[in-house]
């Protein structure tokens, strides 16, 4: 990403994996963003309102500790009314449309929008897991076709990828090919 002048938001799960604060510092110094990705990634964040409130309090503490303003819910589970308890500027837990998610459907928009007190940035490109594992795509064709559609409608292309999938050479090559194609376009604005 650095070579192609892209910068991502890296969302960390605070209470499941060891946190590498050195890596977080390196990412920030190099223009990347740090976000919070739920609390435990155990599928229980939205199990009930009382549990969510308990976890939201801890999530807010991690947001402050990390200097983060963005949030992404694990498994794209979401409850927009409850999420108003989070001290965030933006959320990226919703998608425009994705039939492969646990809660399918979507926002049906390729543009950011206000969702209560924060901005929702819907991811508009199919996640890497869905593209590579479920659809068994061997190229970035679907991402490229969708970015053409998004460009034609002046929308926002946002992709959700996972480092544990992209370590596999064949998956990394698809992602790298997509980034190279985007870098050559010249008709888009790349921002965090």
C-alpha atoms as a PDB file:
ATOM      1  CA  UNK A   1       0.000   0.000   0.000  1.00  0.00           C
ATOM      2  CA  UNK A   2       2.764   2.428   0.889  1.00  0.00           C
ATOM      3  CA  UNK A   3       4.473   1.965  -2.485  1.00  0.00           C
ATOM      4  CA  UNK A   4       1.181   2.710  -4.272  1.00  0.00           C
ATOM      5  CA  UNK A   5       0.386   5.736  -2.060  1.00  0.00           C
ATOM      6  CA  UNK A   6      -2.595   4.129  -0.326  1.00  0.00           C
ATOM      7  CA  UNK A   7      -3.234   4.252   3.400  1.00  0.00           C
ATOM      8  CA  UNK A   8      -5.668   2.027   5.240  1.00  0.00           C
ATOM      9  CA  UNK A   9      -7.382   1.984   8.558  1.00  0.00           C
ATOM     10  CA  UNK A  10      -6.195  -0.988  10.608  1.00  0.00           C
ATOM     11  CA  UNK A  11      -8.848  -2.039  13.102  1.00  0.00           C
ATOM     12  CA  UNK A  12      -7.619  -3.878  16.179  1.00  0.00           C
ATOM     13  CA  UNK A  13      -9.600  -6.259  18.390  1.00  0.00           C
ATOM     14  CA  UNK A  14      -8.640  -5.098  21.903  1.00  0.00           C
ATOM     15  CA  UNK A  15      -9.498  -8.155  24.009  1.00  0.00           C
ATOM     16  CA  UNK A  16      -8.855 -11.206  21.877  1.00  0.00           C
ATOM     17  CA  UNK A  17      -5.363 -10.948  20.467  1.00  0.00           C
ATOM     18  CA  UNK A  18      -2.222  -9.438  22.016  1.00  0.00           C
ATOM     19  CA  UNK A  19      -2.016  -5.760  21.077  1.00  0.00           C
ATOM     20  CA  UNK A  20       1.171  -4.678  19.355  1.00  0.00           C
ATOM     21  CA  UNK A  21       1.509  -1.019  20.349  1.00  0.00           C
ATOM     22  CA  UNK A  22       4.786  -0.770  18.457  1.00  0.00           C
ATOM     23  CA  UNK A  23       2.993  -1.771  15.264  1.00  0.00           C
ATOM     24  CA  UNK A  24       0.229   0.745  15.998  1.00  0.00           C
ATOM     25  CA  UNK A  25       2.822   3.494  16.427  1.00  0.00           C
ATOM     26  CA  UNK A  26       4.566   2.489  13.195  1.00  0.00           C
ATOM     27  CA  UNK A  27       1.257   2.526  11.302  1.00  0.00           C
ATOM     28  CA  UNK A  28       0.367   5.994  12.620  1.00  0.00           C
ATOM     29  CA  UNK A  29       3.843   7.380  11.824  1.00  0.00           C
ATOM     30  CA  UNK A  30       3.477   6.116   8.259  1.00  0.00           C
ATOM     31  CA  UNK A  31       0.084   7.706   7.652  1.00  0.00           C
ATOM     32  CA  UNK A  32      -2.189   4.791   8.420  1.00  0.00           C
ATOM     33  CA  UNK A  33      -5.134   4.961  10.792  1.00  0.00           C
ATOM     34  CA  UNK A  34      -5.934   2.880  13.853  1.00  0.00           C
ATOM     35  CA  UNK A  35      -9.524   1.860  14.580  1.00  0.00           C
ATOM     36  CA  UNK A  36     -11.309  -0.438  16.994  1.00  0.00           C
ATOM     37  CA  UNK A  37     -12.869  -3.667  15.718  1.00  0.00           C
ATOM     38  CA  UNK A  38     -15.363  -4.582  18.426  1.00  0.00           C
ATOM     39  CA  UNK A  39     -14.083  -5.863  21.730  1.00  0.00           C
ATOM     40  CA  UNK A  40     -13.605  -9.649  21.557  1.00  0.00           C
ATOM     41  CA  UNK A  41     -14.826 -10.665  18.057  1.00  0.00           C
ATOM     42  CA  UNK A  42     -16.941 -13.352  19.698  1.00  0.00           C
ATOM     43  CA  UNK A  43     -20.311 -12.576  18.102  1.00  0.00           C
ATOM     44  CA  UNK A  44     -21.763 -11.362  21.411  1.00  0.00           C
ATOM     45  CA  UNK A  45     -21.407  -7.570  21.115  1.00  0.00           C
ATOM     46  CA  UNK A  46     -25.098  -7.135  20.270  1.00  0.00           C
ATOM     47  CA  UNK A  47     -26.437 -10.132  22.203  1.00  0.00           C
ATOM     48  CA  UNK A  48     -28.440  -7.851  24.511  1.00  0.00           C
ATOM     49  CA  UNK A  49     -28.597  -4.171  25.360  1.00  0.00           C
ATOM     50  CA  UNK A  50     -27.117  -4.504  28.857  1.00  0.00           C
ATOM     51  CA  UNK A  51     -24.164  -6.515  27.531  1.00  0.00           C
ATOM     52  CA  UNK A  52     -23.664  -4.003  24.748  1.00  0.00           C
ATOM     53  CA  UNK A  53     -23.588  -1.123  27.265  1.00  0.00           C
ATOM     54  CA  UNK A  54     -20.939  -2.914  29.340  1.00  0.00           C
ATOM     55  CA  UNK A  55     -18.830  -3.576  26.265  1.00  0.00           C
ATOM     56  CA  UNK A  56     -19.400  -0.086  24.825  1.00  0.00           C
ATOM     57  CA  UNK A  57     -17.867   1.408  27.965  1.00  0.00           C
ATOM     58  CA  UNK A  58     -14.704  -0.678  27.432  1.00  0.00           C
ATOM     59  CA  UNK A  59     -14.692  -0.031  23.672  1.00  0.00           C
ATOM     60  CA  UNK A  60     -14.816   3.712  24.361  1.00  0.00           C
ATOM     61  CA  UNK A  61     -11.830   3.359  26.692  1.00  0.00           C
ATOM     62  CA  UNK A  62      -9.866   1.593  23.925  1.00  0.00           C
ATOM     63  CA  UNK A  63     -10.905   4.226  21.375  1.00  0.00           C
ATOM     64  CA  UNK A  64      -9.409   6.853  23.657  1.00  0.00           C
ATOM     65  CA  UNK A  65      -6.303   4.772  24.425  1.00  0.00           C
ATOM     66  CA  UNK A  66      -5.644   4.129  20.718  1.00  0.00           C
ATOM     67  CA  UNK A  67      -6.462   7.710  19.674  1.00  0.00           C
ATOM     68  CA  UNK A  68      -9.032   6.158  17.340  1.00  0.00           C
ATOM     69  CA  UNK A  69     -12.125   7.791  15.871  1.00  0.00           C
ATOM     70  CA  UNK A  70     -13.360   4.856  13.778  1.00  0.00           C
ATOM     71  CA  UNK A  71     -15.147   1.619  14.606  1.00  0.00           C
ATOM     72  CA  UNK A  72     -16.004  -1.567  12.732  1.00  0.00           C
ATOM     73  CA  UNK A  73     -18.233  -4.181  14.321  1.00  0.00           C
ATOM     74  CA  UNK A  74     -17.089  -7.801  14.098  1.00  0.00           C
ATOM     75  CA  UNK A  75     -18.998 -10.061  11.722  1.00  0.00           C
ATOM     76  CA  UNK A  76     -20.806  -6.943  10.447  1.00  0.00           C
ATOM     77  CA  UNK A  77     -23.290  -7.378  13.291  1.00  0.00           C
ATOM     78  CA  UNK A  78     -24.806  -4.007  14.051  1.00  0.00           C
ATOM     79  CA  UNK A  79     -27.540  -2.183  15.902  1.00  0.00           C
ATOM     80  CA  UNK A  80     -27.530   1.497  14.878  1.00  0.00           C
ATOM     81  CA  UNK A  81     -29.511   2.787  17.877  1.00  0.00           C
ATOM     82  CA  UNK A  82     -27.233   1.100  20.406  1.00  0.00           C
ATOM     83  CA  UNK A  83     -24.099   2.156  18.533  1.00  0.00           C
ATOM     84  CA  UNK A  84     -24.880   5.782  19.392  1.00  0.00           C
ATOM     85  CA  UNK A  85     -23.222   4.979  22.758  1.00  0.00           C
ATOM     86  CA  UNK A  86     -19.845   4.685  21.019  1.00  0.00           C
ATOM     87  CA  UNK A  87     -17.516   7.712  21.082  1.00  0.00           C
ATOM     88  CA  UNK A  88     -16.767   7.597  17.370  1.00  0.00           C
ATOM     89  CA  UNK A  89     -16.654   9.970  14.437  1.00  0.00           C
ATOM     90  CA  UNK A  90     -17.386   7.228  11.916  1.00  0.00           C
ATOM     91  CA  UNK A  91     -18.450   3.618  11.679  1.00  0.00           C
ATOM     92  CA  UNK A  92     -17.756   1.121   8.894  1.00  0.00           C
ATOM     93  CA  UNK A  93     -19.889  -1.846   9.981  1.00  0.00           C
ATOM     94  CA  UNK A  94     -22.585  -1.613   7.308  1.00  0.00           C
ATOM     95  CA  UNK A  95     -22.327  -2.477   3.641  1.00  0.00           C
ATOM     96  CA  UNK A  96     -24.145  -1.245   0.582  1.00  0.00           C
ATOM     97  CA  UNK A  97     -25.387  -4.723  -0.276  1.00  0.00           C
ATOM     98  CA  UNK A  98     -23.932  -8.115   0.545  1.00  0.00           C
ATOM     99  CA  UNK A  99     -25.943 -11.342   0.497  1.00  0.00           C
ATOM    100  CA  UNK A 100     -23.110 -13.313   2.139  1.00  0.00           C
ATOM    101  CA  UNK A 101     -23.121 -11.571   5.533  1.00  0.00           C
ATOM    102  CA  UNK A 102     -24.766 -12.920   8.724  1.00  0.00           C
ATOM    103  CA  UNK A 103     -27.251 -10.025   8.538  1.00  0.00           C
ATOM    104  CA  UNK A 104     -27.689  -9.709   4.792  1.00  0.00           C
ATOM    105  CA  UNK A 105     -29.221  -6.796   2.924  1.00  0.00           C
ATOM    106  CA  UNK A 106     -27.453  -3.486   3.321  1.00  0.00           C
ATOM    107  CA  UNK A 107     -27.815   0.274   3.254  1.00  0.00           C
ATOM    108  CA  UNK A 108     -28.451   0.260  -0.504  1.00  0.00           C
ATOM    109  CA  UNK A 109     -26.188   3.276  -0.974  1.00  0.00           C
ATOM    110  CA  UNK A 110     -22.650   3.815  -2.201  1.00  0.00           C
ATOM    111  CA  UNK A 111     -22.334   7.147  -0.379  1.00  0.00           C
ATOM    112  CA  UNK A 112     -21.409   7.968   3.227  1.00  0.00           C
ATOM    113  CA  UNK A 113     -24.292   9.217   5.362  1.00  0.00           C
ATOM    114  CA  UNK A 114     -25.006  10.380   8.875  1.00  0.00           C
ATOM    115  CA  UNK A 115     -26.311   7.660  11.154  1.00  0.00           C
ATOM    116  CA  UNK A 116     -27.257   9.506  14.300  1.00  0.00           C
ATOM    117  CA  UNK A 117     -24.195  11.144  15.806  1.00  0.00           C
ATOM    118  CA  UNK A 118     -21.587   9.568  13.518  1.00  0.00           C
ATOM    119  CA  UNK A 119     -20.938   9.131   9.817  1.00  0.00           C
ATOM    120  CA  UNK A 120     -21.504   5.697   8.345  1.00  0.00           C
ATOM    121  CA  UNK A 121     -18.967   4.649   5.715  1.00  0.00           C
ATOM    122  CA  UNK A 122     -20.571   1.613   4.101  1.00  0.00           C
ATOM    123  CA  UNK A 123     -18.120  -0.800   2.586  1.00  0.00           C
ATOM    124  CA  UNK A 124     -19.047  -1.004  -1.064  1.00  0.00           C
ATOM    125  CA  UNK A 125     -16.731  -3.712  -2.365  1.00  0.00           C
ATOM    126  CA  UNK A 126     -17.219  -7.347  -1.441  1.00  0.00           C
ATOM    127  CA  UNK A 127     -14.955  -8.413   1.434  1.00  0.00           C
ATOM    128  CA  UNK A 128     -11.829 -10.362   0.594  1.00  0.00           C
ATOM    129  CA  UNK A 129     -13.132 -13.503   2.321  1.00  0.00           C
ATOM    130  CA  UNK A 130     -16.369 -13.480   0.307  1.00  0.00           C
ATOM    131  CA  UNK A 131     -14.535 -12.756  -2.937  1.00  0.00           C
ATOM    132  CA  UNK A 132     -11.788 -15.308  -2.540  1.00  0.00           C
ATOM    133  CA  UNK A 133     -13.306 -18.068  -0.394  1.00  0.00           C
ATOM    134  CA  UNK A 134     -17.054 -18.024  -1.073  1.00  0.00           C
ATOM    135  CA  UNK A 135     -17.062 -16.844  -4.698  1.00  0.00           C
ATOM    136  CA  UNK A 136     -13.684 -18.522  -5.358  1.00  0.00           C
ATOM    137  CA  UNK A 137     -12.568 -15.637  -7.568  1.00  0.00           C
ATOM    138  CA  UNK A 138      -9.018 -15.868  -8.874  1.00  0.00           C
ATOM    139  CA  UNK A 139      -8.782 -12.219  -9.951  1.00  0.00           C
ATOM    140  CA  UNK A 140      -9.823  -8.711  -8.947  1.00  0.00           C
ATOM    141  CA  UNK A 141     -12.444  -8.578 -11.737  1.00  0.00           C
ATOM    142  CA  UNK A 142     -15.460  -8.110  -9.432  1.00  0.00           C
ATOM    143  CA  UNK A 143     -13.734  -5.342  -7.458  1.00  0.00           C
ATOM    144  CA  UNK A 144     -12.751  -3.565 -10.687  1.00  0.00           C
ATOM    145  CA  UNK A 145     -16.250  -3.801 -12.155  1.00  0.00           C
ATOM    146  CA  UNK A 146     -17.772  -2.414  -8.968  1.00  0.00           C
ATOM    147  CA  UNK A 147     -15.287   0.463  -8.757  1.00  0.00           C
ATOM    148  CA  UNK A 148     -16.239   1.408 -12.326  1.00  0.00           C
ATOM    149  CA  UNK A 149     -19.904   1.489 -11.268  1.00  0.00           C
ATOM    150  CA  UNK A 150     -19.061   3.509  -8.159  1.00  0.00           C
ATOM    151  CA  UNK A 151     -16.957   5.964 -10.184  1.00  0.00           C
ATOM    152  CA  UNK A 152     -19.778   6.419 -12.699  1.00  0.00           C
ATOM    153  CA  UNK A 153     -22.111   7.348  -9.818  1.00  0.00           C
ATOM    154  CA  UNK A 154     -19.578   9.459  -7.862  1.00  0.00           C
ATOM    155  CA  UNK A 155     -19.717   7.081  -4.907  1.00  0.00           C
ATOM    156  CA  UNK A 156     -17.231   5.807  -2.356  1.00  0.00           C
ATOM    157  CA  UNK A 157     -15.271   2.603  -2.905  1.00  0.00           C
ATOM    158  CA  UNK A 158     -14.447   1.060   0.460  1.00  0.00           C
ATOM    159  CA  UNK A 159     -13.009  -2.409   0.836  1.00  0.00           C
ATOM    160  CA  UNK A 160     -12.707  -4.541   3.967  1.00  0.00           C
ATOM    161  CA  UNK A 161      -9.716  -6.887   3.906  1.00  0.00           C
ATOM    162  CA  UNK A 162      -8.129  -9.115   6.534  1.00  0.00           C
ATOM    163  CA  UNK A 163      -4.381  -9.610   7.062  1.00  0.00           C
ATOM    164  CA  UNK A 164      -4.859 -13.278   7.957  1.00  0.00           C
ATOM    165  CA  UNK A 165      -6.318 -13.994   4.488  1.00  0.00           C
ATOM    166  CA  UNK A 166      -3.927 -11.756   2.568  1.00  0.00           C
ATOM    167  CA  UNK A 167      -0.832 -13.554   3.862  1.00  0.00           C
ATOM    168  CA  UNK A 168      -1.663 -16.287   1.376  1.00  0.00           C
ATOM    169  CA  UNK A 169       0.216 -15.544  -1.841  1.00  0.00           C
ATOM    170  CA  UNK A 170      -2.724 -16.115  -4.200  1.00  0.00           C
ATOM    171  CA  UNK A 171      -4.987 -13.803  -2.173  1.00  0.00           C
ATOM    172  CA  UNK A 172      -2.314 -11.137  -1.786  1.00  0.00           C
ATOM    173  CA  UNK A 173      -1.757 -11.113  -5.546  1.00  0.00           C
ATOM    174  CA  UNK A 174      -5.472 -10.382  -6.142  1.00  0.00           C
ATOM    175  CA  UNK A 175      -5.389  -7.497  -3.645  1.00  0.00           C
ATOM    176  CA  UNK A 176      -2.103  -6.162  -5.038  1.00  0.00           C
ATOM    177  CA  UNK A 177      -3.461  -6.301  -8.582  1.00  0.00           C
ATOM    178  CA  UNK A 178      -6.518  -4.331  -7.483  1.00  0.00           C
ATOM    179  CA  UNK A 179      -4.413  -1.672  -5.735  1.00  0.00           C
ATOM    180  CA  UNK A 180      -2.148  -1.316  -8.771  1.00  0.00           C
ATOM    181  CA  UNK A 181      -5.179  -0.872 -11.036  1.00  0.00           C
ATOM    182  CA  UNK A 182      -6.578   1.798  -8.714  1.00  0.00           C
ATOM    183  CA  UNK A 183      -3.241   3.602  -8.538  1.00  0.00           C
ATOM    184  CA  UNK A 184      -3.179   3.849 -12.353  1.00  0.00           C
ATOM    185  CA  UNK A 185      -6.734   5.198 -12.660  1.00  0.00           C
ATOM    186  CA  UNK A 186      -6.152   8.844 -11.907  1.00  0.00           C
ATOM    187  CA  UNK A 187      -9.883   9.407 -11.542  1.00  0.00           C
ATOM    188  CA  UNK A 188     -10.288   8.815  -7.824  1.00  0.00           C
ATOM    189  CA  UNK A 189      -9.317  10.373  -4.512  1.00  0.00           C
ATOM    190  CA  UNK A 190      -7.652   8.021  -2.082  1.00  0.00           C
ATOM    191  CA  UNK A 191      -8.175   8.972   1.554  1.00  0.00           C
ATOM    192  CA  UNK A 192      -8.508   7.343   4.943  1.00  0.00           C
END
